[in-house]
PDB file of N, CA and C in Angstrom:
ATOM      1  N   MET A   1       0.833  -1.184   0.000  1.00  0.00           N
ATOM      2  CA  MET A   1       0.000   0.000   0.000  1.00  0.00           C
ATOM      3  C   MET A   1       0.877   1.246   0.000  1.00  0.00           C
ATOM      4  N   LYS A   2       0.373   2.288  -0.604  1.00  0.00           N
ATOM      5  CA  LYS A   2       1.108   3.545  -0.644  1.00  0.00           C
ATOM      6  C   LYS A   2       0.956   4.282   0.685  1.00  0.00           C
ATOM      7  N   ALA A   3       1.987   4.962   1.073  1.00  0.00           N
ATOM      8  CA  ALA A   3       1.967   5.721   2.323  1.00  0.00           C
ATOM      9  C   ALA A   3       1.335   7.090   2.103  1.00  0.00           C
ATOM     10  N   ASN A   4       0.659   7.584   3.122  1.00  0.00           N
ATOM     11  CA  ASN A   4       0.102   8.946   3.178  1.00  0.00           C
ATOM     12  C   ASN A   4      -0.967   9.240   2.129  1.00  0.00           C
ATOM     13  N   ILE A   5      -1.722   8.236   1.672  1.00  0.00           N
ATOM     14  CA  ILE A   5      -2.815   8.519   0.735  1.00  0.00           C
ATOM     15  C   ILE A   5      -4.177   8.192   1.343  1.00  0.00           C
ATOM     16  N   HIS A   6      -4.196   7.498   2.483  1.00  0.00           N
ATOM     17  CA  HIS A   6      -5.452   7.091   3.097  1.00  0.00           C
ATOM     18  C   HIS A   6      -5.932   8.159   4.081  1.00  0.00           C
ATOM     19  N   PRO A   7      -7.253   8.384   4.162  1.00  0.00           N
ATOM     20  CA  PRO A   7      -7.769   9.374   5.115  1.00  0.00           C
ATOM     21  C   PRO A   7      -7.615   8.868   6.551  1.00  0.00           C
ATOM     22  N   ASN A   8      -7.594   9.801   7.487  1.00  0.00           N
ATOM     23  CA  ASN A   8      -7.468   9.440   8.900  1.00  0.00           C
ATOM     24  C   ASN A   8      -8.755   8.798   9.395  1.00  0.00           C
ATOM     25  N   TYR A   9      -8.616   7.713  10.141  1.00  0.00           N
ATOM     26  CA  TYR A   9      -9.744   6.984  10.717  1.00  0.00           C
ATOM     27  C   TYR A   9      -9.779   7.331  12.193  1.00  0.00           C
ATOM     28  N   GLU A  10     -10.748   8.168  12.588  1.00  0.00           N
ATOM     29  CA  GLU A  10     -10.777   8.665  13.953  1.00  0.00           C
ATOM     30  C   GLU A  10     -12.183   8.636  14.521  1.00  0.00           C
ATOM     31  N   GLU A  11     -12.328   9.052  15.774  1.00  0.00           N
ATOM     32  CA  GLU A  11     -13.627   9.037  16.437  1.00  0.00           C
ATOM     33  C   GLU A  11     -14.571  10.031  15.771  1.00  0.00           C
ATOM     34  N   ALA A  12     -15.830   9.598  15.584  1.00  0.00           N
ATOM     35  CA  ALA A  12     -16.835  10.434  14.927  1.00  0.00           C
ATOM     36  C   ALA A  12     -18.115  10.432  15.753  1.00  0.00           C
ATOM     37  N   THR A  13     -18.929  11.463  15.569  1.00  0.00           N
ATOM     38  CA  THR A  13     -20.209  11.579  16.255  1.00  0.00           C
ATOM     39  C   THR A  13     -21.317  11.601  15.218  1.00  0.00           C
ATOM     40  N   VAL A  14     -22.325  10.747  15.426  1.00  0.00           N
ATOM     41  CA  VAL A  14     -23.491  10.702  14.544  1.00  0.00           C
ATOM     42  C   VAL A  14     -24.641  11.370  15.288  1.00  0.00           C
ATOM     43  N   HIS A  15     -25.196  12.450  14.715  1.00  0.00           N
ATOM     44  CA  HIS A  15     -26.293  13.197  15.319  1.00  0.00           C
ATOM     45  C   HIS A  15     -27.592  12.833  14.603  1.00  0.00           C
ATOM     46  N   CYS A  16     -28.610  12.455  15.377  1.00  0.00           N
ATOM     47  CA  CYS A  16     -29.928  12.127  14.817  1.00  0.00           C
ATOM     48  C   CYS A  16     -30.858  13.328  14.980  1.00  0.00           C
ATOM     49  N   ALA A  17     -31.900  13.376  14.162  1.00  0.00           N
ATOM     50  CA  ALA A  17     -32.886  14.453  14.244  1.00  0.00           C
ATOM     51  C   ALA A  17     -33.660  14.412  15.558  1.00  0.00           C
ATOM     52  N   CYS A  18     -33.739  13.236  16.204  1.00  0.00           N
ATOM     53  CA  CYS A  18     -34.458  13.114  17.475  1.00  0.00           C
ATOM     54  C   CYS A  18     -33.623  13.607  18.651  1.00  0.00           C
ATOM     55  N   GLY A  19     -32.344  13.920  18.420  1.00  0.00           N
ATOM     56  CA  GLY A  19     -31.478  14.416  19.477  1.00  0.00           C
ATOM     57  C   GLY A  19     -30.485  13.392  19.996  1.00  0.00           C
ATOM     58  N   ASN A  20     -30.595  12.165  19.561  1.00  0.00           N
ATOM     59  CA  ASN A  20     -29.687  11.104  19.987  1.00  0.00           C
ATOM     60  C   ASN A  20     -28.319  11.290  19.334  1.00  0.00           C
ATOM     61  N   GLU A  21     -27.264  11.022  20.098  1.00  0.00           N
ATOM     62  CA  GLU A  21     -25.901  11.088  19.572  1.00  0.00           C
ATOM     63  C   GLU A  21     -25.225   9.750  19.794  1.00  0.00           C
ATOM     64  N   VAL A  22     -24.510   9.273  18.779  1.00  0.00           N
ATOM     65  CA  VAL A  22     -23.815   7.996  18.849  1.00  0.00           C
ATOM     66  C   VAL A  22     -22.355   8.238  18.496  1.00  0.00           C
ATOM     67  N   LYS A  23     -21.468   7.695  19.308  1.00  0.00           N
ATOM     68  CA  LYS A  23     -20.027   7.783  19.030  1.00  0.00           C
ATOM     69  C   LYS A  23     -19.605   6.537  18.263  1.00  0.00           C
ATOM     70  N   THR A  24     -18.842   6.730  17.208  1.00  0.00           N
ATOM     71  CA  THR A  24     -18.339   5.628  16.395  1.00  0.00           C
ATOM     72  C   THR A  24     -16.997   6.051  15.813  1.00  0.00           C
ATOM     73  N   ARG A  25     -16.495   5.297  14.876  1.00  0.00           N
ATOM     74  CA  ARG A  25     -15.242   5.662  14.208  1.00  0.00           C
ATOM     75  C   ARG A  25     -15.497   5.749  12.711  1.00  0.00           C
ATOM     76  N   SER A  26     -14.911   6.775  12.081  1.00  0.00           N
ATOM     77  CA  SER A  26     -15.104   6.994  10.658  1.00  0.00           C
ATOM     78  C   SER A  26     -14.029   7.945  10.148  1.00  0.00           C
ATOM     79  N   THR A  27     -14.027   8.146   8.843  1.00  0.00           N
ATOM     80  CA  THR A  27     -13.125   9.135   8.255  1.00  0.00           C
ATOM     81  C   THR A  27     -13.759  10.523   8.260  1.00  0.00           C
ATOM     82  N   VAL A  28     -15.057  10.599   8.584  1.00  0.00           N
ATOM     83  CA  VAL A  28     -15.781  11.864   8.690  1.00  0.00           C
ATOM     84  C   VAL A  28     -16.022  12.126  10.173  1.00  0.00           C
ATOM     85  N   LYS A  29     -15.773  13.350  10.655  1.00  0.00           N
ATOM     86  CA  LYS A  29     -15.870  13.625  12.091  1.00  0.00           C
ATOM     87  C   LYS A  29     -17.304  13.719  12.592  1.00  0.00           C
ATOM     88  N   GLN A  30     -18.221  14.293  11.805  1.00  0.00           N
ATOM     89  CA  GLN A  30     -19.610  14.444  12.217  1.00  0.00           C
ATOM     90  C   GLN A  30     -20.532  14.033  11.092  1.00  0.00           C
ATOM     91  N   MET A  31     -21.611  13.327  11.465  1.00  0.00           N
ATOM     92  CA  MET A  31     -22.638  12.934  10.501  1.00  0.00           C
ATOM     93  C   MET A  31     -24.001  13.278  11.083  1.00  0.00           C
ATOM     94  N   HIS A  32     -24.943  13.653  10.222  1.00  0.00           N
ATOM     95  CA  HIS A  32     -26.306  13.970  10.631  1.00  0.00           C
ATOM     96  C   HIS A  32     -27.254  13.034   9.882  1.00  0.00           C
ATOM     97  N   VAL A  33     -28.139  12.344  10.646  1.00  0.00           N
ATOM     98  CA  VAL A  33     -29.090  11.414  10.050  1.00  0.00           C
ATOM     99  C   VAL A  33     -30.502  11.788  10.486  1.00  0.00           C
ATOM    100  N   ASN A  34     -31.505  11.332   9.723  1.00  0.00           N
ATOM    101  CA  ASN A  34     -32.900  11.629  10.045  1.00  0.00           C
ATOM    102  C   ASN A  34     -33.479  10.652  11.054  1.00  0.00           C
ATOM    103  N   THR A  35     -33.098   9.393  10.978  1.00  0.00           N
ATOM    104  CA  THR A  35     -33.599   8.386  11.913  1.00  0.00           C
ATOM    105  C   THR A  35     -32.447   7.545  12.431  1.00  0.00           C
ATOM    106  N   CYS A  36     -32.620   7.044  13.647  1.00  0.00           N
ATOM    107  CA  CYS A  36     -31.620   6.167  14.250  1.00  0.00           C
ATOM    108  C   CYS A  36     -32.355   5.013  14.926  1.00  0.00           C
ATOM    109  N   SER A  37     -31.625   4.162  15.617  1.00  0.00           N
ATOM    110  CA  SER A  37     -32.253   3.014  16.269  1.00  0.00           C
ATOM    111  C   SER A  37     -33.123   3.439  17.445  1.00  0.00           C
ATOM    112  N   SER A  38     -32.974   4.656  17.937  1.00  0.00           N
ATOM    113  CA  SER A  38     -33.803   5.135  19.046  1.00  0.00           C
ATOM    114  C   SER A  38     -35.165   5.637  18.590  1.00  0.00           C
ATOM    115  N   CYS A  39     -35.281   6.073  17.335  1.00  0.00           N
ATOM    116  CA  CYS A  39     -36.542   6.657  16.885  1.00  0.00           C
ATOM    117  C   CYS A  39     -37.148   5.963  15.666  1.00  0.00           C
ATOM    118  N   HIS A  40     -36.465   4.992  15.065  1.00  0.00           N
ATOM    119  CA  HIS A  40     -37.001   4.310  13.889  1.00  0.00           C
ATOM    120  C   HIS A  40     -38.116   3.349  14.306  1.00  0.00           C
ATOM    121  N   PRO A  41     -39.258   3.327  13.599  1.00  0.00           N
ATOM    122  CA  PRO A  41     -40.385   2.465  13.973  1.00  0.00           C
ATOM    123  C   PRO A  41     -40.039   0.979  14.036  1.00  0.00           C
ATOM    124  N   PHE A  42     -39.104   0.506  13.247  1.00  0.00           N
ATOM    125  CA  PHE A  42     -38.737  -0.913  13.287  1.00  0.00           C
ATOM    126  C   PHE A  42     -38.154  -1.285  14.645  1.00  0.00           C
ATOM    127  N   PHE A  43     -37.328  -0.417  15.201  1.00  0.00           N
ATOM    128  CA  PHE A  43     -36.674  -0.706  16.471  1.00  0.00           C
ATOM    129  C   PHE A  43     -37.553  -0.367  17.668  1.00  0.00           C
ATOM    130  N   THR A  44     -38.418   0.642  17.545  1.00  0.00           N
ATOM    131  CA  THR A  44     -39.259   1.042  18.669  1.00  0.00           C
ATOM    132  C   THR A  44     -40.543   0.233  18.745  1.00  0.00           C
ATOM    133  N   GLY A  45     -40.948  -0.409  17.644  1.00  0.00           N
ATOM    134  CA  GLY A  45     -42.170  -1.208  17.636  1.00  0.00           C
ATOM    135  C   GLY A  45     -43.425  -0.377  17.486  1.00  0.00           C
ATOM    136  N   SER A  46     -43.295   0.878  17.128  1.00  0.00           N
ATOM    137  CA  SER A  46     -44.464   1.747  16.973  1.00  0.00           C
ATOM    138  C   SER A  46     -44.675   2.070  15.503  1.00  0.00           C
ATOM    139  N   ALA A  47     -44.999   1.048  14.725  1.00  0.00           N
ATOM    140  CA  ALA A  47     -45.234   1.249  13.295  1.00  0.00           C
ATOM    141  C   ALA A  47     -46.525   2.036  13.102  1.00  0.00           C
ATOM    142  N   LYS A  48     -46.492   3.000  12.202  1.00  0.00           N
ATOM    143  CA  LYS A  48     -47.660   3.832  11.931  1.00  0.00           C
ATOM    144  C   LYS A  48     -48.099   3.624  10.494  1.00  0.00           C
ATOM    145  N   LEU A  49     -49.395   3.701  10.256  1.00  0.00           N
ATOM    146  CA  LEU A  49     -49.929   3.615   8.905  1.00  0.00           C
ATOM    147  C   LEU A  49     -49.830   5.002   8.283  1.00  0.00           C
ATOM    148  N   ILE A  50     -48.998   5.134   7.295  1.00  0.00           N
ATOM    149  CA  ILE A  50     -48.773   6.437   6.670  1.00  0.00           C
ATOM    150  C   ILE A  50     -49.704   6.632   5.485  1.00  0.00           C
ATOM    151  N   ASP A  51     -49.859   5.609   4.662  1.00  0.00           N
ATOM    152  CA  ASP A  51     -50.654   5.694   3.447  1.00  0.00           C
ATOM    153  C   ASP A  51     -52.070   5.208   3.749  1.00  0.00           C
ATOM    154  N   THR A  52     -53.090   6.025   3.436  1.00  0.00           N
ATOM    155  CA  THR A  52     -54.463   5.622   3.719  1.00  0.00           C
ATOM    156  C   THR A  52     -54.944   4.546   2.758  1.00  0.00           C
ATOM    157  N   GLU A  53     -54.512   4.609   1.533  1.00  0.00           N
ATOM    158  CA  GLU A  53     -54.865   3.591   0.551  1.00  0.00           C
ATOM    159  C   GLU A  53     -53.589   2.855   0.185  1.00  0.00           C
ATOM    160  N   GLY A  54     -53.535   1.560   0.469  1.00  0.00           N
ATOM    161  CA  GLY A  54     -52.321   0.791   0.257  1.00  0.00           C
ATOM    162  C   GLY A  54     -51.996   0.583  -1.206  1.00  0.00           C
ATOM    163  N   ARG A  55     -50.784   0.142  -1.453  1.00  0.00           N
ATOM    164  CA  ARG A  55     -50.339  -0.089  -2.824  1.00  0.00           C
ATOM    165  C   ARG A  55     -51.121  -1.208  -3.488  1.00  0.00           C
ATOM    166  N   VAL A  56     -51.441  -2.249  -2.732  1.00  0.00           N
ATOM    167  CA  VAL A  56     -52.187  -3.370  -3.307  1.00  0.00           C
ATOM    168  C   VAL A  56     -53.585  -2.920  -3.700  1.00  0.00           C
ATOM    169  N   ASP A  57     -54.220  -2.118  -2.840  1.00  0.00           N
ATOM    170  CA  ASP A  57     -55.559  -1.618  -3.155  1.00  0.00           C
ATOM    171  C   ASP A  57     -55.548  -0.740  -4.404  1.00  0.00           C
ATOM    172  N   ARG A  58     -54.546   0.119  -4.522  1.00  0.00           N
ATOM    173  CA  ARG A  58     -54.450   0.963  -5.719  1.00  0.00           C
ATOM    174  C   ARG A  58     -54.209   0.122  -6.965  1.00  0.00           C
ATOM    175  N   PHE A  59     -53.386  -0.930  -6.829  1.00  0.00           N
ATOM    176  CA  PHE A  59     -53.110  -1.828  -7.946  1.00  0.00           C
ATOM    177  C   PHE A  59     -54.392  -2.531  -8.398  1.00  0.00           C
ATOM    178  N   LYS A  60     -55.147  -3.077  -7.446  1.00  0.00           N
ATOM    179  CA  LYS A  60     -56.398  -3.771  -7.780  1.00  0.00           C
ATOM    180  C   LYS A  60     -57.402  -2.812  -8.401  1.00  0.00           C
ATOM    181  N   LYS A  61     -57.478  -1.600  -7.879  1.00  0.00           N
ATOM    182  CA  LYS A  61     -58.408  -0.605  -8.401  1.00  0.00           C
ATOM    183  C   LYS A  61     -58.044  -0.233  -9.843  1.00  0.00           C
ATOM    184  N   ARG A  62     -56.763  -0.074 -10.121  1.00  0.00           N
ATOM    185  CA  ARG A  62     -56.306   0.293 -11.457  1.00  0.00           C
ATOM    186  C   ARG A  62     -56.632  -0.808 -12.462  1.00  0.00           C
ATOM    187  N   PHE A  63     -56.404  -2.068 -12.094  1.00  0.00           N
ATOM    188  CA  PHE A  63     -56.678  -3.163 -13.012  1.00  0.00           C
ATOM    189  C   PHE A  63     -58.169  -3.447 -13.137  1.00  0.00           C
ATOM    190  N   ALA A  64     -58.955  -3.119 -12.128  1.00  0.00           N
ATOM    191  CA  ALA A  64     -60.400  -3.286 -12.220  1.00  0.00           C
ATOM    192  C   ALA A  64     -60.988  -2.282 -13.208  1.00  0.00           C
ATOM    193  N   GLU A  65     -60.408  -1.088 -13.250  1.00  0.00           N
ATOM    194  CA  GLU A  65     -60.882  -0.060 -14.175  1.00  0.00           C
ATOM    195  C   GLU A  65     -60.398  -0.313 -15.594  1.00  0.00           C
ATOM    196  N   GLY A  66     -59.307  -1.048 -15.737  1.00  0.00           N
ATOM    197  CA  GLY A  66     -58.766  -1.329 -17.058  1.00  0.00           C
ATOM    198  C   GLY A  66     -57.867  -0.239 -17.593  1.00  0.00           C
ATOM    199  N   THR A  67     -57.435   0.677 -16.728  1.00  0.00           N
ATOM    200  CA  THR A  67     -56.525   1.739 -17.159  1.00  0.00           C
ATOM    201  C   THR A  67     -55.137   1.445 -16.626  1.00  0.00           C
ATOM    202  N   TYR A  68     -54.325   0.813 -17.444  1.00  0.00           N
ATOM    203  CA  TYR A  68     -52.947   0.512 -17.039  1.00  0.00           C
ATOM    204  C   TYR A  68     -52.024   0.670 -18.151  1.00  0.00           C
TER     205      TYR A  68
END
């Protein structure tokens, strides 16, 4: 490997939109994310229904009308 061409691998802080901070190691010192394991519905178990009409229902409706 060539010397002095690799970025420094040092301690980094990941900031979430919910306010949670996680310490890790990376070549970037600070990262900002929208969701983390503290606020993501998969990890918290609080899944919410976002779409009122599901994709399957829209698919069936489209094929029932014959417009595809």
